[in-house]
Amino acid sequence: MKTSFIKMHGLGNDFVIFDGRQAPIRLNAQQAAKLADRRMGIGCDQVIVMEASSKADVFMRILNADGSEVSSCGNATRCVAWLIMQENRKDTATVETRAGIMQAVRIGDKDIRVDMGMPKFEWQDIPLAKAVDTKKLDITHGDLHSPAVVSMGNPHMVFVVKDVESVDLQAAGKILEHHPLFPERANVSIAQVIDKRHVKLRVWERGAGLTLACGTAACATVAALHNNGLVDAIAEIKLPGGTLNIEWDKVTQHIYMTGAVAESFTGEVKL
């Protein structure tokens, strides 16, 4: 038997999405990695399984390209929320993840705004291996130094650089992802501040590698840079795949992410 899937992406951050709400889909790490392989499989950054939820419209299980399971993915949340909105013919959707329940609203045909929750800055919440100043870690790799650290349901280190294109993030990301200070590995971002409202960003995503976009990294970047006085609480984050609009509501402390989603194709695969 074959199982249907839909291939979607948020600014190039791409997903193979299965609907396991009616008939359970049990994917292990090896299966997910094979599906994600861009030469021998379908190809994606993450494999997503939609499951039934008693707390929200849907539960979203997230498996990285290497098969590891993670708690949060902003771009995938927008894609799954859009699918639920289409299905229910509504302009709102709730998506449960291991990091919590995300509230999503349609603000355009395929533009989705998601409440990504509150950023966390305490070392134990990220988590880190020991107590440190999360605004400025004592980490250096080549020209990269002193990253800020934030959790958006997953751990992020954010380096400020003069030019994001001049950094070999492929080489740096492979090493920094596994820094011993991060027991759950780290997402590694390099941010170039254009002005208080505009940032260029490139991201190495743990378990997936270089990605064209990362929603949680964009949120983490605004939180980290705003805390250090470098950007406003509202900023446009320009990633290789496109732009995300990030707003940190300083009253509720929640971060809101807005961006586009797109369908690539549908198909069937023998699991």
C-alpha atoms as a PDB file:
ATOM      1  CA  MET A   1       0.000   0.000   0.000  1.00  0.00           C
ATOM      2  CA  LYS A   2       1.058   3.563  -0.669  1.00  0.00           C
ATOM      3  CA  THR A   3       0.502   6.579   1.540  1.00  0.00           C
ATOM      4  CA  SER A   4      -0.452  10.014   0.238  1.00  0.00           C
ATOM      5  CA  PHE A   5       1.605  13.099   1.048  1.00  0.00           C
ATOM      6  CA  ILE A   6       1.777  16.761   0.145  1.00  0.00           C
ATOM      7  CA  LYS A   7       5.045  18.606  -0.406  1.00  0.00           C
ATOM      8  CA  MET A   8       4.931  22.210   0.854  1.00  0.00           C
ATOM      9  CA  HIS A   9       7.381  24.918   1.760  1.00  0.00           C
ATOM     10  CA  GLY A  10       7.595  28.172   3.674  1.00  0.00           C
ATOM     11  CA  LEU A  11      10.090  30.392   1.852  1.00  0.00           C
ATOM     12  CA  GLY A  12      11.998  27.335   0.652  1.00  0.00           C
ATOM     13  CA  ASN A  13      12.065  25.571   4.030  1.00  0.00           C
ATOM     14  CA  ASP A  14      10.388  22.433   2.673  1.00  0.00           C
ATOM     15  CA  PHE A  15       8.310  19.634   4.154  1.00  0.00           C
ATOM     16  CA  VAL A  16       6.829  16.271   3.247  1.00  0.00           C
ATOM     17  CA  ILE A  17       3.502  16.236   5.092  1.00  0.00           C
ATOM     18  CA  PHE A  18       1.482  13.115   5.905  1.00  0.00           C
ATOM     19  CA  ASP A  19      -2.038  13.049   7.324  1.00  0.00           C
ATOM     20  CA  GLY A  20      -2.149  10.457  10.090  1.00  0.00           C
ATOM     21  CA  ARG A  21      -5.377  11.616  11.745  1.00  0.00           C
ATOM     22  CA  GLN A  22      -7.599   8.806  10.451  1.00  0.00           C
ATOM     23  CA  ALA A  23      -5.075   6.009   9.990  1.00  0.00           C
ATOM     24  CA  PRO A  24      -1.982   6.299  12.232  1.00  0.00           C
ATOM     25  CA  ILE A  25       1.350   6.742  10.459  1.00  0.00           C
ATOM     26  CA  ARG A  26       4.284   5.408  12.454  1.00  0.00           C
ATOM     27  CA  LEU A  27       7.540   6.724  11.070  1.00  0.00           C
ATOM     28  CA  ASN A  28      10.856   5.876  12.686  1.00  0.00           C
ATOM     29  CA  ALA A  29      14.041   7.902  12.339  1.00  0.00           C
ATOM     30  CA  GLN A  30      15.424   5.749   9.531  1.00  0.00           C
ATOM     31  CA  GLN A  31      12.242   6.045   7.458  1.00  0.00           C
ATOM     32  CA  ALA A  32      12.128   9.814   7.951  1.00  0.00           C
ATOM     33  CA  ALA A  33      15.748  10.182   6.896  1.00  0.00           C
ATOM     34  CA  LYS A  34      15.119   8.155   3.730  1.00  0.00           C
ATOM     35  CA  LEU A  35      12.066  10.239   2.844  1.00  0.00           C
ATOM     36  CA  ALA A  36      14.037  13.454   3.395  1.00  0.00           C
ATOM     37  CA  ASP A  37      16.987  12.366   1.235  1.00  0.00           C
ATOM     38  CA  ARG A  38      17.105  14.670  -1.801  1.00  0.00           C
ATOM     39  CA  ARG A  39      18.652  12.053  -4.098  1.00  0.00           C
ATOM     40  CA  MET A  40      17.135   8.754  -2.976  1.00  0.00           C
ATOM     41  CA  GLY A  41      13.878   9.958  -1.401  1.00  0.00           C
ATOM     42  CA  ILE A  42      11.336  12.750  -1.852  1.00  0.00           C
ATOM     43  CA  GLY A  43      13.592  15.417  -0.367  1.00  0.00           C
ATOM     44  CA  CYS A  44      12.852  17.905   2.417  1.00  0.00           C
ATOM     45  CA  ASP A  45      14.177  19.665   5.493  1.00  0.00           C
ATOM     46  CA  GLN A  46      11.554  18.069   7.732  1.00  0.00           C
ATOM     47  CA  VAL A  47       9.010  15.251   7.550  1.00  0.00           C
ATOM     48  CA  ILE A  48       5.705  16.225   9.156  1.00  0.00           C
ATOM     49  CA  VAL A  49       2.967  13.915  10.400  1.00  0.00           C
ATOM     50  CA  MET A  50      -0.418  15.431  11.232  1.00  0.00           C
ATOM     51  CA  GLU A  51      -2.094  13.551  14.083  1.00  0.00           C
ATOM     52  CA  ALA A  52      -5.360  13.901  15.989  1.00  0.00           C
ATOM     53  CA  SER A  53      -5.378  16.291  18.951  1.00  0.00           C
ATOM     54  CA  SER A  54      -7.810  16.693  21.835  1.00  0.00           C
ATOM     55  CA  LYS A  55      -6.459  20.196  22.535  1.00  0.00           C
ATOM     56  CA  ALA A  56      -6.194  21.764  19.076  1.00  0.00           C
ATOM     57  CA  ASP A  57      -7.288  21.299  15.464  1.00  0.00           C
ATOM     58  CA  VAL A  58      -4.289  19.073  14.824  1.00  0.00           C
ATOM     59  CA  PHE A  59      -1.102  17.758  16.416  1.00  0.00           C
ATOM     60  CA  MET A  60       2.070  18.198  14.359  1.00  0.00           C
ATOM     61  CA  ARG A  61       4.908  15.693  14.708  1.00  0.00           C
ATOM     62  CA  ILE A  62       8.217  17.014  13.345  1.00  0.00           C
ATOM     63  CA  LEU A  63      11.092  14.827  12.139  1.00  0.00           C
ATOM     64  CA  ASN A  64      14.300  16.407  10.890  1.00  0.00           C
ATOM     65  CA  ALA A  65      16.112  15.311   7.747  1.00  0.00           C
ATOM     66  CA  ASP A  66      18.414  13.168   9.882  1.00  0.00           C
ATOM     67  CA  GLY A  67      15.414  11.464  11.522  1.00  0.00           C
ATOM     68  CA  SER A  68      15.647  13.242  14.877  1.00  0.00           C
ATOM     69  CA  GLU A  69      12.385  14.494  16.357  1.00  0.00           C
ATOM     70  CA  VAL A  70      12.046  18.135  17.431  1.00  0.00           C
ATOM     71  CA  SER A  71       9.457  20.190  19.291  1.00  0.00           C
ATOM     72  CA  SER A  72       8.882  23.243  17.120  1.00  0.00           C
ATOM     73  CA  CYS A  73       9.060  24.471  13.520  1.00  0.00           C
ATOM     74  CA  GLY A  74       7.611  27.845  12.586  1.00  0.00           C
ATOM     75  CA  ASN A  75       7.430  27.427   8.819  1.00  0.00           C
ATOM     76  CA  ALA A  76       5.874  23.960   9.136  1.00  0.00           C
ATOM     77  CA  THR A  77       3.310  25.386  11.565  1.00  0.00           C
ATOM     78  CA  ARG A  78       2.242  27.892   8.910  1.00  0.00           C
ATOM     79  CA  CYS A  79       1.959  25.160   6.269  1.00  0.00           C
ATOM     80  CA  VAL A  80      -0.068  22.796   8.455  1.00  0.00           C
ATOM     81  CA  ALA A  81      -2.250  25.659   9.701  1.00  0.00           C
ATOM     82  CA  TRP A  82      -3.001  26.617   6.093  1.00  0.00           C
ATOM     83  CA  LEU A  83      -4.010  23.028   5.277  1.00  0.00           C
ATOM     84  CA  ILE A  84      -6.389  22.971   8.258  1.00  0.00           C
ATOM     85  CA  MET A  85      -7.861  26.339   7.278  1.00  0.00           C
ATOM     86  CA  GLN A  86      -8.495  25.063   3.759  1.00  0.00           C
ATOM     87  CA  GLU A  87     -10.078  21.903   5.114  1.00  0.00           C
ATOM     88  CA  ASN A  88     -12.313  23.683   7.636  1.00  0.00           C
ATOM     89  CA  ARG A  89     -12.974  26.713   5.424  1.00  0.00           C
ATOM     90  CA  LYS A  90     -11.896  29.008   8.229  1.00  0.00           C
ATOM     91  CA  ASP A  91      -9.283  31.717   8.602  1.00  0.00           C
ATOM     92  CA  THR A  92      -7.963  30.430  11.926  1.00  0.00           C
ATOM     93  CA  ALA A  93      -6.361  27.199  13.108  1.00  0.00           C
ATOM     94  CA  THR A  94      -4.672  25.796  16.185  1.00  0.00           C
ATOM     95  CA  VAL A  95      -1.656  23.513  15.869  1.00  0.00           C
ATOM     96  CA  GLU A  96      -0.412  21.492  18.823  1.00  0.00           C
ATOM     97  CA  THR A  97       3.317  20.716  18.984  1.00  0.00           C
ATOM     98  CA  ARG A  98       5.591  19.361  21.694  1.00  0.00           C
ATOM     99  CA  ALA A  99       6.453  23.004  22.404  1.00  0.00           C
ATOM    100  CA  GLY A 100       2.810  23.989  22.955  1.00  0.00           C
ATOM    101  CA  ILE A 101      -0.263  25.069  21.012  1.00  0.00           C
ATOM    102  CA  MET A 102       0.230  27.591  18.209  1.00  0.00           C
ATOM    103  CA  GLN A 103      -2.567  29.947  17.187  1.00  0.00           C
ATOM    104  CA  ALA A 104      -2.582  30.792  13.461  1.00  0.00           C
ATOM    105  CA  VAL A 105      -4.532  33.359  11.451  1.00  0.00           C
ATOM    106  CA  ARG A 106      -4.819  33.808   7.688  1.00  0.00           C
ATOM    107  CA  ILE A 107      -4.070  37.391   6.673  1.00  0.00           C
ATOM    108  CA  GLY A 108      -3.824  36.781   2.926  1.00  0.00           C
ATOM    109  CA  ASP A 109      -4.474  33.969   0.470  1.00  0.00           C
ATOM    110  CA  LYS A 110      -1.369  32.092   1.594  1.00  0.00           C
ATOM    111  CA  ASP A 111       0.050  34.482   4.176  1.00  0.00           C
ATOM    112  CA  ILE A 112      -0.221  33.047   7.680  1.00  0.00           C
ATOM    113  CA  ARG A 113       0.468  34.752  11.027  1.00  0.00           C
ATOM    114  CA  VAL A 114       1.402  32.486  13.936  1.00  0.00           C
ATOM    115  CA  ASP A 115       1.669  33.202  17.640  1.00  0.00           C
ATOM    116  CA  MET A 116       5.016  31.533  18.375  1.00  0.00           C
ATOM    117  CA  GLY A 117       4.778  32.001  22.134  1.00  0.00           C
ATOM    118  CA  MET A 118       7.306  33.543  24.496  1.00  0.00           C
ATOM    119  CA  PRO A 119      11.063  33.426  23.941  1.00  0.00           C
ATOM    120  CA  LYS A 120      13.007  31.914  26.822  1.00  0.00           C
ATOM    121  CA  PHE A 121      16.388  33.187  27.949  1.00  0.00           C
ATOM    122  CA  GLU A 122      17.165  31.251  31.132  1.00  0.00           C
ATOM    123  CA  TRP A 123      19.991  28.761  30.607  1.00  0.00           C
ATOM    124  CA  GLN A 124      17.993  25.810  31.959  1.00  0.00           C
ATOM    125  CA  ASP A 125      15.064  26.527  29.592  1.00  0.00           C
ATOM    126  CA  ILE A 126      17.136  26.463  26.417  1.00  0.00           C
ATOM    127  CA  PRO A 127      18.599  24.056  27.714  1.00  0.00           C
ATOM    128  CA  LEU A 128      22.315  24.579  28.301  1.00  0.00           C
ATOM    129  CA  ALA A 129      24.725  22.320  30.135  1.00  0.00           C
ATOM    130  CA  LYS A 130      25.535  24.937  32.781  1.00  0.00           C
ATOM    131  CA  ALA A 131      24.573  28.405  34.019  1.00  0.00           C
ATOM    132  CA  VAL A 132      25.940  31.155  31.729  1.00  0.00           C
ATOM    133  CA  ASP A 133      25.038  34.648  30.512  1.00  0.00           C
ATOM    134  CA  THR A 134      22.750  33.858  27.578  1.00  0.00           C
ATOM    135  CA  LYS A 135      23.103  37.374  26.117  1.00  0.00           C
ATOM    136  CA  LYS A 136      26.744  36.743  25.330  1.00  0.00           C
ATOM    137  CA  LEU A 137      28.190  33.246  25.362  1.00  0.00           C
ATOM    138  CA  ASP A 138      31.911  32.607  25.524  1.00  0.00           C
ATOM    139  CA  ILE A 139      31.949  30.777  22.185  1.00  0.00           C
ATOM    140  CA  THR A 140      34.277  31.589  19.293  1.00  0.00           C
ATOM    141  CA  HIS A 141      34.631  29.870  15.929  1.00  0.00           C
ATOM    142  CA  GLY A 142      36.795  31.654  13.387  1.00  0.00           C
ATOM    143  CA  ASP A 143      35.318  35.139  12.931  1.00  0.00           C
ATOM    144  CA  LEU A 144      32.145  34.150  14.799  1.00  0.00           C
ATOM    145  CA  HIS A 145      32.077  35.056  18.472  1.00  0.00           C
ATOM    146  CA  SER A 146      29.893  35.824  21.495  1.00  0.00           C
ATOM    147  CA  PRO A 147      26.478  34.539  20.332  1.00  0.00           C
ATOM    148  CA  ALA A 148      23.255  35.245  22.181  1.00  0.00           C
ATOM    149  CA  VAL A 149      21.112  32.223  23.018  1.00  0.00           C
ATOM    150  CA  VAL A 150      17.314  31.935  22.923  1.00  0.00           C
ATOM    151  CA  SER A 151      14.769  29.122  23.017  1.00  0.00           C
ATOM    152  CA  MET A 152      11.684  29.273  20.808  1.00  0.00           C
ATOM    153  CA  GLY A 153      10.722  25.732  21.767  1.00  0.00           C
ATOM    154  CA  ASN A 154      14.139  24.755  20.396  1.00  0.00           C
ATOM    155  CA  PRO A 155      17.657  26.063  21.126  1.00  0.00           C
ATOM    156  CA  HIS A 156      19.182  28.842  19.001  1.00  0.00           C
ATOM    157  CA  MET A 157      22.544  30.583  19.064  1.00  0.00           C
ATOM    158  CA  VAL A 158      22.649  33.880  17.155  1.00  0.00           C
ATOM    159  CA  PHE A 159      25.895  35.482  15.964  1.00  0.00           C
ATOM    160  CA  VAL A 160      26.005  39.073  14.722  1.00  0.00           C
ATOM    161  CA  VAL A 161      28.238  39.498  11.650  1.00  0.00           C
ATOM    162  CA  LYS A 162      29.094  42.296   9.234  1.00  0.00           C
ATOM    163  CA  ASP A 163      28.243  40.264   6.120  1.00  0.00           C
ATOM    164  CA  VAL A 164      26.272  37.001   6.182  1.00  0.00           C
ATOM    165  CA  GLU A 165      27.558  36.038   2.732  1.00  0.00           C
ATOM    166  CA  SER A 166      31.198  36.087   3.850  1.00  0.00           C
ATOM    167  CA  VAL A 167      30.716  33.328   6.450  1.00  0.00           C
ATOM    168  CA  ASP A 168      31.159  29.655   5.594  1.00  0.00           C
ATOM    169  CA  LEU A 169      28.083  28.618   7.568  1.00  0.00           C
ATOM    170  CA  GLN A 170      28.194  25.087   6.157  1.00  0.00           C
ATOM    171  CA  ALA A 171      31.507  24.444   7.871  1.00  0.00           C
ATOM    172  CA  ALA A 172      30.745  26.414  11.038  1.00  0.00           C
ATOM    173  CA  GLY A 173      27.257  24.984  11.484  1.00  0.00           C
ATOM    174  CA  LYS A 174      28.427  21.375  11.370  1.00  0.00           C
ATOM    175  CA  ILE A 175      30.700  22.023  14.333  1.00  0.00           C
ATOM    176  CA  LEU A 176      28.690  24.539  16.377  1.00  0.00           C
ATOM    177  CA  GLU A 177      25.500  22.463  16.217  1.00  0.00           C
ATOM    178  CA  HIS A 178      27.254  19.926  18.447  1.00  0.00           C
ATOM    179  CA  HIS A 179      28.862  22.366  20.886  1.00  0.00           C
ATOM    180  CA  PRO A 180      29.083  20.655  24.303  1.00  0.00           C
ATOM    181  CA  LEU A 181      27.180  23.505  25.961  1.00  0.00           C
ATOM    182  CA  PHE A 182      24.033  22.360  24.085  1.00  0.00           C
ATOM    183  CA  PRO A 183      22.887  18.885  25.212  1.00  0.00           C
ATOM    184  CA  GLU A 184      20.065  18.924  22.630  1.00  0.00           C
ATOM    185  CA  ARG A 185      22.261  20.420  19.884  1.00  0.00           C
ATOM    186  CA  ALA A 186      21.804  23.952  18.556  1.00  0.00           C
ATOM    187  CA  ASN A 187      20.374  25.837  15.608  1.00  0.00           C
ATOM    188  CA  VAL A 188      23.056  28.266  14.429  1.00  0.00           C
ATOM    189  CA  SER A 189      22.159  31.660  12.942  1.00  0.00           C
ATOM    190  CA  ILE A 190      24.294  34.472  11.563  1.00  0.00           C
ATOM    191  CA  ALA A 191      22.587  37.876  11.494  1.00  0.00           C
ATOM    192  CA  GLN A 192      23.565  41.039   9.624  1.00  0.00           C
ATOM    193  CA  VAL A 193      21.802  44.125  10.989  1.00  0.00           C
ATOM    194  CA  ILE A 194      20.895  46.461   8.125  1.00  0.00           C
ATOM    195  CA  ASP A 195      19.035  48.885  10.385  1.00  0.00           C
ATOM    196  CA  LYS A 196      16.714  48.739  13.381  1.00  0.00           C
ATOM    197  CA  ARG A 197      13.917  47.185  11.314  1.00  0.00           C
ATOM    198  CA  HIS A 198      15.775  45.036   8.784  1.00  0.00           C
ATOM    199  CA  VAL A 199      18.043  42.019   9.271  1.00  0.00           C
ATOM    200  CA  LYS A 200      19.641  39.575   6.842  1.00  0.00           C
ATOM    201  CA  LEU A 201      19.775  36.047   8.233  1.00  0.00           C
ATOM    202  CA  ARG A 202      21.246  32.688   7.321  1.00  0.00           C
ATOM    203  CA  VAL A 203      20.554  29.556   9.340  1.00  0.00           C
ATOM    204  CA  TRP A 204      22.115  26.174   9.946  1.00  0.00           C
ATOM    205  CA  GLU A 205      19.266  24.028  11.264  1.00  0.00           C
ATOM    206  CA  ARG A 206      20.157  21.199  13.641  1.00  0.00           C
ATOM    207  CA  GLY A 207      19.431  17.855  12.038  1.00  0.00           C
ATOM    208  CA  ALA A 208      18.791  19.418   8.624  1.00  0.00           C
ATOM    209  CA  GLY A 209      21.761  21.640   7.737  1.00  0.00           C
ATOM    210  CA  LEU A 210      21.654  24.834   5.708  1.00  0.00           C
ATOM    211  CA  THR A 211      18.090  25.924   5.079  1.00  0.00           C
ATOM    212  CA  LEU A 212      16.527  28.634   2.926  1.00  0.00           C
ATOM    213  CA  ALA A 213      14.389  29.775   5.865  1.00  0.00           C
ATOM    214  CA  CYS A 214      13.749  29.000   9.533  1.00  0.00           C
ATOM    215  CA  GLY A 215      10.804  30.546  11.346  1.00  0.00           C
ATOM    216  CA  THR A 216      11.921  29.870  14.903  1.00  0.00           C
ATOM    217  CA  ALA A 217      15.394  31.219  14.057  1.00  0.00           C
ATOM    218  CA  ALA A 218      13.870  34.448  12.746  1.00  0.00           C
ATOM    219  CA  CYS A 219      11.901  34.817  15.988  1.00  0.00           C
ATOM    220  CA  ALA A 220      14.945  33.985  18.106  1.00  0.00           C
ATOM    221  CA  THR A 221      17.028  36.517  16.178  1.00  0.00           C
ATOM    222  CA  VAL A 222      14.624  39.394  16.832  1.00  0.00           C
ATOM    223  CA  ALA A 223      14.415  38.440  20.516  1.00  0.00           C
ATOM    224  CA  ALA A 224      18.204  38.178  20.893  1.00  0.00           C
ATOM    225  CA  LEU A 225      19.037  41.330  18.927  1.00  0.00           C
ATOM    226  CA  HIS A 226      16.312  43.393  20.578  1.00  0.00           C
ATOM    227  CA  ASN A 227      17.537  42.361  24.018  1.00  0.00           C
ATOM    228  CA  ASN A 228      20.982  43.606  23.030  1.00  0.00           C
ATOM    229  CA  GLY A 229      19.607  46.920  21.694  1.00  0.00           C
ATOM    230  CA  LEU A 230      20.360  46.197  18.037  1.00  0.00           C
ATOM    231  CA  VAL A 231      16.861  46.040  16.512  1.00  0.00           C
ATOM    232  CA  ASP A 232      13.312  47.123  17.286  1.00  0.00           C
ATOM    233  CA  ALA A 233      10.690  44.689  18.560  1.00  0.00           C
ATOM    234  CA  ILE A 234       9.222  44.626  15.045  1.00  0.00           C
ATOM    235  CA  ALA A 235      11.539  43.722  12.170  1.00  0.00           C
ATOM    236  CA  GLU A 236      11.709  42.210   8.704  1.00  0.00           C
ATOM    237  CA  ILE A 237      14.006  39.196   8.547  1.00  0.00           C
ATOM    238  CA  LYS A 238      15.369  38.548   5.065  1.00  0.00           C
ATOM    239  CA  LEU A 239      16.341  34.917   4.568  1.00  0.00           C
ATOM    240  CA  PRO A 240      17.691  33.288   1.389  1.00  0.00           C
ATOM    241  CA  GLY A 241      14.178  32.010   0.600  1.00  0.00           C
ATOM    242  CA  GLY A 242      12.271  35.221   1.333  1.00  0.00           C
ATOM    243  CA  THR A 243      11.142  37.550   4.098  1.00  0.00           C
ATOM    244  CA  LEU A 244       9.456  36.896   7.428  1.00  0.00           C
ATOM    245  CA  ASN A 245       7.822  39.658   9.446  1.00  0.00           C
ATOM    246  CA  ILE A 246       8.477  39.263  13.158  1.00  0.00           C
ATOM    247  CA  GLU A 247       6.716  41.185  15.925  1.00  0.00           C
ATOM    248  CA  TRP A 248       7.606  40.816  19.599  1.00  0.00           C
ATOM    249  CA  ASP A 249       4.638  42.080  21.609  1.00  0.00           C
ATOM    250  CA  LYS A 250       6.280  43.494  24.702  1.00  0.00           C
ATOM    251  CA  VAL A 251       2.967  43.478  26.621  1.00  0.00           C
ATOM    252  CA  THR A 252       2.167  39.779  26.238  1.00  0.00           C
ATOM    253  CA  GLN A 253       5.822  38.869  25.551  1.00  0.00           C
ATOM    254  CA  HIS A 254       4.627  36.651  22.677  1.00  0.00           C
ATOM    255  CA  ILE A 255       6.366  36.706  19.308  1.00  0.00           C
ATOM    256  CA  TYR A 256       4.285  36.713  16.123  1.00  0.00           C
ATOM    257  CA  MET A 257       5.628  35.474  12.804  1.00  0.00           C
ATOM    258  CA  THR A 258       4.038  36.216   9.419  1.00  0.00           C
ATOM    259  CA  GLY A 259       5.030  34.689   6.108  1.00  0.00           C
ATOM    260  CA  ALA A 260       3.869  32.894   2.997  1.00  0.00           C
ATOM    261  CA  VAL A 261       3.315  29.184   2.379  1.00  0.00           C
ATOM    262  CA  ALA A 262       3.280  27.309  -0.929  1.00  0.00           C
ATOM    263  CA  GLU A 263       2.261  23.907  -2.270  1.00  0.00           C
ATOM    264  CA  SER A 264       4.852  22.109  -4.361  1.00  0.00           C
ATOM    265  CA  PHE A 265       3.176  18.817  -5.342  1.00  0.00           C
ATOM    266  CA  THR A 266       1.244  15.844  -4.051  1.00  0.00           C
ATOM    267  CA  GLY A 267       2.106  12.178  -4.404  1.00  0.00           C
ATOM    268  CA  GLU A 268       2.102   8.698  -2.927  1.00  0.00           C
ATOM    269  CA  VAL A 269       4.949   6.726  -1.402  1.00  0.00           C
ATOM    270  CA  LYS A 270       5.389   3.221  -0.093  1.00  0.00           C
ATOM    271  CA  LEU A 271       6.561   3.587   3.492  1.00  0.00           C
END
